[in-house]
Amino acid sequence: MTQDKAILTCALTGVLTDPQQHPVPVTPAQMAGEARDAFNAGAAIMHVHIRDQRPGKGHLPSWDPDVVETVIDAIKAACPGVIINLTTGVIGPDVSGPVACIRRIKPEIAACNAGSLNYLKIKDNGQWAWPPHTFDNPVDKIQKMLDAMHETGTHPEFECFDVGIVRSVAMYQKAGMFSGVPELNFVMGVASGMPCDADLLALLPRYAPPDAVWQTTLIGRKEIWPVHQKTAELGGMLRTGLEDSFYLPSGERAPGNGAMIQALAACAERAGRAVASPEEARALLGLRAAVSA
């Protein structure tokens, strides 16, 4: 599905980036401030990871519903009308943390990792950048996430790290695992997943359900920006932020999420597409607020 309006999503902070090494927000006030800058630059959606608020623990994730609610409330207060997209990614079969958070805040959107991936990165010297591990997302785990989202009226965004995962979403739809507008997020640039490649991107929409809305999440540095531009030209939705990259099209380090979203909005504008407001994004994605209006 090609859309004239471009929905911009800001991925504010990510899951493990160390705030002592990189300028990622952690506290409710920091998250709200960064979200406000991104919102003012055109982001209708905030993709939110929550960090541990204890001193010295800000590099770790938190699934404490009280902490999640505090951060989300701060973001909503700073960005009237913003759409919240909550992360759900966990390794292993225990999904009680993300499910509890979905039930507490009832986000309009939640990420749903749509398949498993050996999560790898190798250094130039042949050493692993981190211990190889599997980001495991078997079908029964996906179903538990989708059941919680159905319970709260939350729209799933399917995170697709490889071509086979893209193809799987149509099978989930056919199996009745979810309903509504299929939304796929093509994650490109993870070393053991799909590369950040404009030629590959041009092929991917044909493997999504025919009525799908799709976007890209591009991991990398300066090289991601031509692929963001290709996303805009192909009619996809656009996402960036300090979770995905620290670098602007110039190669300079971004001072924050607002500058990243400004650059993303420029991609849409060069492609002749207007940036969608939150209300327009709700309509395009069939979110509950639009459906009930």
Protein backbone atom coordinates (compact mmCIF):
# COMPACT_ATOMS: atom_id res chain seq x y z
CA MET A 1 0.00 0.00 0.00
CA THR A 2 1.41 3.39 -1.01
CA GLN A 3 0.40 6.46 0.97
CA ASP A 4 0.70 10.15 0.12
CA LYS A 5 1.18 11.10 3.76
CA ALA A 6 4.35 9.91 5.49
CA ILE A 7 4.08 8.80 9.12
CA LEU A 8 7.24 9.63 11.06
CA THR A 9 8.20 7.53 14.08
CA CYS A 10 10.91 8.48 16.57
CA ALA A 11 12.76 5.66 18.35
CA LEU A 12 13.85 7.63 21.36
CA THR A 13 16.41 5.57 23.23
CA GLY A 14 16.64 1.84 22.48
CA VAL A 15 17.20 -1.12 24.73
CA LEU A 16 20.82 -1.22 25.95
CA THR A 17 22.70 1.87 24.72
CA ASP A 18 24.75 3.16 27.65
CA PRO A 19 23.76 6.73 28.59
CA GLN A 20 27.26 7.26 29.98
CA GLN A 21 28.64 6.79 26.46
CA HIS A 22 25.86 8.16 24.24
CA PRO A 23 23.30 10.99 24.63
CA VAL A 24 20.26 8.74 25.03
CA PRO A 25 17.40 9.78 27.34
CA VAL A 26 16.63 7.69 30.42
CA THR A 27 14.61 9.62 33.02
CA PRO A 28 10.97 10.62 32.49
CA ALA A 29 12.02 14.26 32.07
CA GLN A 30 14.71 13.36 29.54
CA MET A 31 12.36 11.10 27.60
CA ALA A 32 9.69 13.80 27.56
CA GLY A 33 12.14 16.47 26.40
CA GLU A 34 13.50 14.35 23.58
CA ALA A 35 9.99 13.31 22.58
CA ARG A 36 8.87 16.95 22.47
CA ASP A 37 11.73 17.87 20.15
CA ALA A 38 10.88 14.95 17.84
CA PHE A 39 7.15 15.74 17.99
CA ASN A 40 7.77 19.36 17.05
CA ALA A 41 9.89 18.14 14.10
CA GLY A 42 7.01 16.00 12.79
CA ALA A 43 7.06 12.64 14.59
CA ALA A 44 3.49 11.42 15.15
CA ILE A 45 4.61 8.22 16.91
CA MET A 46 7.11 7.62 19.72
CA HIS A 47 8.62 4.14 19.88
CA VAL A 48 9.42 3.76 23.56
CA HIS A 49 11.87 1.58 25.48
CA ILE A 50 11.90 2.08 29.23
CA ARG A 51 15.14 2.10 31.20
CA ASP A 52 15.93 1.15 34.77
CA GLN A 53 15.70 4.36 36.83
CA ARG A 54 18.09 3.30 39.61
CA PRO A 55 21.39 5.22 39.79
CA GLY A 56 23.98 3.69 37.48
CA LYS A 57 21.45 1.27 35.94
CA GLY A 58 20.17 3.43 33.09
CA HIS A 59 21.73 1.13 30.48
CA LEU A 60 19.35 -1.67 31.48
CA PRO A 61 15.72 -2.15 30.43
CA SER A 62 12.81 -2.01 32.86
CA TRP A 63 9.48 -3.83 32.73
CA ASP A 64 8.17 -2.25 35.93
CA PRO A 65 4.64 -1.07 35.01
CA ASP A 66 4.88 1.83 37.46
CA VAL A 67 8.06 3.12 35.78
CA VAL A 68 6.58 2.59 32.33
CA GLU A 69 3.43 4.51 33.25
CA THR A 70 5.45 7.41 34.67
CA VAL A 71 7.56 7.73 31.52
CA ILE A 72 4.61 7.40 29.15
CA ASP A 73 2.59 9.97 31.10
CA ALA A 74 5.51 12.40 30.86
CA ILE A 75 5.80 11.90 27.10
CA LYS A 76 2.06 12.37 26.57
CA ALA A 77 2.05 15.54 28.64
CA ALA A 78 4.91 16.96 26.56
CA CYS A 79 3.39 15.90 23.23
CA PRO A 80 -0.40 16.36 23.19
CA GLY A 81 -2.02 13.79 20.91
CA VAL A 82 1.13 11.75 20.32
CA ILE A 83 0.82 8.02 19.53
CA ILE A 84 2.72 5.65 21.81
CA ASN A 85 4.39 2.56 20.32
CA LEU A 86 5.67 0.38 23.17
CA THR A 87 8.50 -2.10 22.78
CA THR A 88 7.87 -5.75 23.78
CA GLY A 89 11.18 -7.41 22.93
CA VAL A 90 12.45 -10.00 25.40
CA ILE A 91 14.74 -13.02 25.05
CA GLY A 92 13.27 -16.29 26.29
CA PRO A 93 9.72 -17.55 26.77
CA ASP A 94 8.71 -15.31 29.69
CA VAL A 95 6.60 -12.46 28.29
CA SER A 96 5.06 -11.45 31.62
CA GLY A 97 7.01 -8.16 31.73
CA PRO A 98 5.88 -6.70 28.41
CA VAL A 99 2.37 -8.14 28.82
CA ALA A 100 1.99 -6.43 32.20
CA CYS A 101 3.14 -3.14 30.67
CA ILE A 102 0.74 -3.45 27.72
CA ARG A 103 -2.12 -4.08 30.14
CA ARG A 104 -1.15 -1.12 32.32
CA ILE A 105 -0.76 1.60 29.70
CA LYS A 106 -2.83 0.19 26.82
CA PRO A 107 -0.64 1.73 24.10
CA GLU A 108 -2.21 2.41 20.74
CA ILE A 109 0.65 0.48 19.08
CA ALA A 110 3.10 -2.13 20.37
CA ALA A 111 6.00 -3.75 18.57
CA CYS A 112 5.63 -7.45 17.86
CA ASN A 113 8.85 -9.19 16.86
CA ALA A 114 7.66 -11.45 14.08
CA GLY A 115 10.36 -14.11 13.94
CA SER A 116 13.64 -15.39 15.36
CA LEU A 117 17.15 -14.27 14.44
CA ASN A 118 20.69 -15.28 15.36
CA TYR A 119 21.81 -11.88 16.63
CA LEU A 120 25.45 -11.58 15.58
CA LYS A 121 28.16 -9.03 14.96
CA ILE A 122 31.82 -9.73 14.18
CA LYS A 123 34.78 -7.39 14.60
CA ASP A 124 37.52 -6.87 12.01
CA ASN A 125 39.86 -9.02 14.13
CA GLY A 126 37.48 -11.99 13.94
CA GLN A 127 36.22 -11.64 17.51
CA TRP A 128 32.51 -11.48 18.28
CA ALA A 129 31.32 -7.99 19.21
CA TRP A 130 29.08 -9.66 21.80
CA PRO A 131 28.37 -13.30 22.70
CA PRO A 132 26.28 -14.78 19.86
CA HIS A 133 22.70 -15.31 20.93
CA THR A 134 19.32 -16.02 19.42
CA PHE A 135 16.57 -13.43 19.56
CA ASP A 136 13.89 -16.08 19.88
CA ASN A 137 10.37 -15.32 18.71
CA PRO A 138 8.56 -18.60 18.06
CA VAL A 139 4.92 -18.55 17.01
CA ASP A 140 3.54 -19.38 20.46
CA LYS A 141 5.43 -16.42 21.96
CA ILE A 142 4.17 -14.12 19.20
CA GLN A 143 0.63 -15.33 19.86
CA LYS A 144 0.92 -14.46 23.57
CA MET A 145 1.98 -10.93 22.64
CA LEU A 146 -0.83 -10.60 20.11
CA ASP A 147 -3.40 -11.91 22.60
CA ALA A 148 -2.39 -9.21 25.09
CA MET A 149 -2.60 -6.55 22.37
CA HIS A 150 -6.04 -7.77 21.30
CA GLU A 151 -7.19 -7.57 24.93
CA THR A 152 -6.18 -3.90 25.20
CA GLY A 153 -7.11 -2.79 21.68
CA THR A 154 -3.44 -2.29 20.79
CA HIS A 155 -2.34 -2.36 17.15
CA PRO A 156 0.65 -4.68 16.46
CA GLU A 157 3.61 -3.44 14.46
CA PHE A 158 5.45 -6.50 13.14
CA GLU A 159 9.24 -6.16 13.37
CA CYS A 160 10.82 -8.06 10.47
CA PHE A 161 14.58 -8.66 10.55
CA ASP A 162 14.77 -10.89 7.49
CA VAL A 163 12.86 -11.71 4.31
CA GLY A 164 11.37 -14.93 5.69
CA ILE A 165 10.01 -12.99 8.65
CA VAL A 166 8.37 -10.51 6.26
CA ARG A 167 6.71 -13.43 4.49
CA SER A 168 5.54 -14.93 7.80
CA VAL A 169 3.26 -11.99 8.63
CA ALA A 170 0.83 -12.92 5.85
CA MET A 171 0.67 -16.40 7.36
CA TYR A 172 -0.11 -14.98 10.79
CA GLN A 173 -2.91 -12.98 9.19
CA LYS A 174 -4.28 -16.02 7.34
CA ALA A 175 -4.14 -18.08 10.55
CA GLY A 176 -6.30 -15.48 12.30
CA MET A 177 -3.59 -14.49 14.79
CA PHE A 178 -4.42 -10.79 14.36
CA SER A 179 -6.88 -8.55 12.55
CA GLY A 180 -6.89 -5.01 11.27
CA VAL A 181 -4.39 -3.20 9.06
CA PRO A 182 -1.15 -5.21 8.83
CA GLU A 183 1.82 -3.00 9.67
CA LEU A 184 5.33 -4.26 8.92
CA ASN A 185 8.59 -2.70 9.99
CA PHE A 186 11.52 -3.74 7.78
CA VAL A 187 14.54 -3.70 10.10
CA MET A 188 17.67 -3.34 7.98
CA GLY A 189 21.28 -3.03 9.04
CA VAL A 190 21.57 -5.66 11.79
CA ALA A 191 24.71 -7.56 10.76
CA SER A 192 23.01 -10.98 10.73
CA GLY A 193 19.72 -9.73 9.30
CA MET A 194 18.69 -7.80 6.19
CA PRO A 195 21.34 -5.34 5.01
CA CYS A 196 20.56 -1.66 4.67
CA ASP A 197 20.26 -1.84 0.90
CA ALA A 198 17.95 0.23 -1.30
CA ASP A 199 17.82 -2.49 -3.97
CA LEU A 200 16.60 -5.06 -1.44
CA LEU A 201 14.12 -2.57 0.01
CA ALA A 202 12.47 -2.14 -3.38
CA LEU A 203 11.60 -5.87 -3.38
CA LEU A 204 10.29 -6.24 0.16
CA PRO A 205 6.78 -4.72 -0.12
CA ARG A 206 5.75 -7.46 -2.56
CA TYR A 207 6.27 -10.05 0.22
CA ALA A 208 4.05 -8.19 2.70
CA PRO A 209 0.28 -8.69 2.82
CA PRO A 210 -1.29 -6.71 -0.05
CA ASP A 211 -3.13 -4.35 2.28
CA ALA A 212 -0.14 -3.66 4.53
CA VAL A 213 1.35 -0.37 5.65
CA TRP A 214 5.13 -0.66 5.96
CA GLN A 215 8.05 1.30 7.30
CA THR A 216 11.79 0.91 7.63
CA THR A 217 14.07 0.90 10.64
CA LEU A 218 17.61 1.47 9.41
CA ILE A 219 20.60 0.70 11.62
CA GLY A 220 23.90 2.34 10.77
CA ARG A 221 25.62 5.64 10.15
CA LYS A 222 25.64 8.02 7.19
CA GLU A 223 24.85 5.15 4.78
CA ILE A 224 21.29 4.77 6.10
CA TRP A 225 20.08 8.08 4.68
CA PRO A 226 19.87 7.14 0.99
CA VAL A 227 17.73 4.18 2.05
CA HIS A 228 15.50 6.45 4.14
CA GLN A 229 15.08 8.51 0.95
CA LYS A 230 14.21 5.36 -1.00
CA THR A 231 11.63 4.47 1.67
CA ALA A 232 10.00 7.85 1.20
CA GLU A 233 9.99 7.49 -2.59
CA LEU A 234 8.47 3.98 -2.44
CA GLY A 235 5.61 5.12 -0.19
CA GLY A 236 6.84 3.62 3.08
CA MET A 237 6.61 5.12 6.51
CA LEU A 238 9.75 6.50 8.11
CA ARG A 239 11.47 5.89 11.43
CA THR A 240 14.69 7.02 13.03
CA GLY A 241 16.03 8.22 16.38
CA LEU A 242 18.84 7.60 18.80
CA GLU A 243 17.88 3.93 19.09
CA ASP A 244 18.74 3.38 15.42
CA SER A 245 21.59 5.78 14.68
CA PHE A 246 23.54 8.70 16.10
CA TYR A 247 24.41 10.17 12.70
CA LEU A 248 22.84 12.82 10.47
CA PRO A 249 23.02 12.70 6.65
CA SER A 250 26.15 14.88 6.81
CA GLY A 251 27.92 12.24 8.86
CA GLU A 252 27.91 14.49 11.90
CA ARG A 253 26.69 13.13 15.21
CA ALA A 254 23.15 14.16 15.99
CA PRO A 255 22.64 16.39 19.05
CA GLY A 256 19.34 14.64 19.79
CA ASN A 257 16.20 13.06 18.41
CA GLY A 258 14.76 16.32 17.11
CA ALA A 259 17.55 16.75 14.57
CA MET A 260 17.14 13.14 13.42
CA ILE A 261 13.42 13.64 12.79
CA GLN A 262 14.04 16.93 10.97
CA ALA A 263 16.30 15.04 8.56
CA LEU A 264 13.67 12.32 8.16
CA ALA A 265 10.95 14.86 7.39
CA ALA A 266 13.22 16.31 4.70
CA CYS A 267 13.32 12.85 3.04
CA ALA A 268 9.52 12.84 2.88
CA GLU A 269 9.40 16.38 1.52
CA ARG A 270 11.93 15.61 -1.24
CA ALA A 271 9.71 12.69 -2.25
CA GLY A 272 6.73 15.07 -2.52
CA ARG A 273 4.98 13.68 0.55
CA ALA A 274 3.50 15.64 3.43
CA VAL A 275 4.20 14.55 7.00
CA ALA A 276 1.20 12.91 8.67
CA SER A 277 -0.27 14.40 11.82
CA PRO A 278 -1.09 12.03 14.69
CA GLU A 279 -4.75 12.09 13.64
CA GLU A 280 -3.84 11.21 10.04
CA ALA A 281 -1.53 8.46 11.25
CA ARG A 282 -4.33 6.99 13.36
CA ALA A 283 -6.59 6.88 10.31
CA LEU A 284 -3.94 5.29 8.08
CA LEU A 285 -3.18 2.57 10.63
CA GLY A 286 -6.77 1.98 11.74
CA LEU A 287 -5.96 2.72 15.37
CA ARG A 288 -8.67 2.49 17.98
CA ALA A 289 -8.92 6.25 18.51
CA ALA A 290 -9.65 6.73 14.80
CA VAL A 291 -12.02 3.79 14.62
CA SER A 292 -14.05 4.99 17.62
CA ALA A 293 -14.14 8.63 16.51
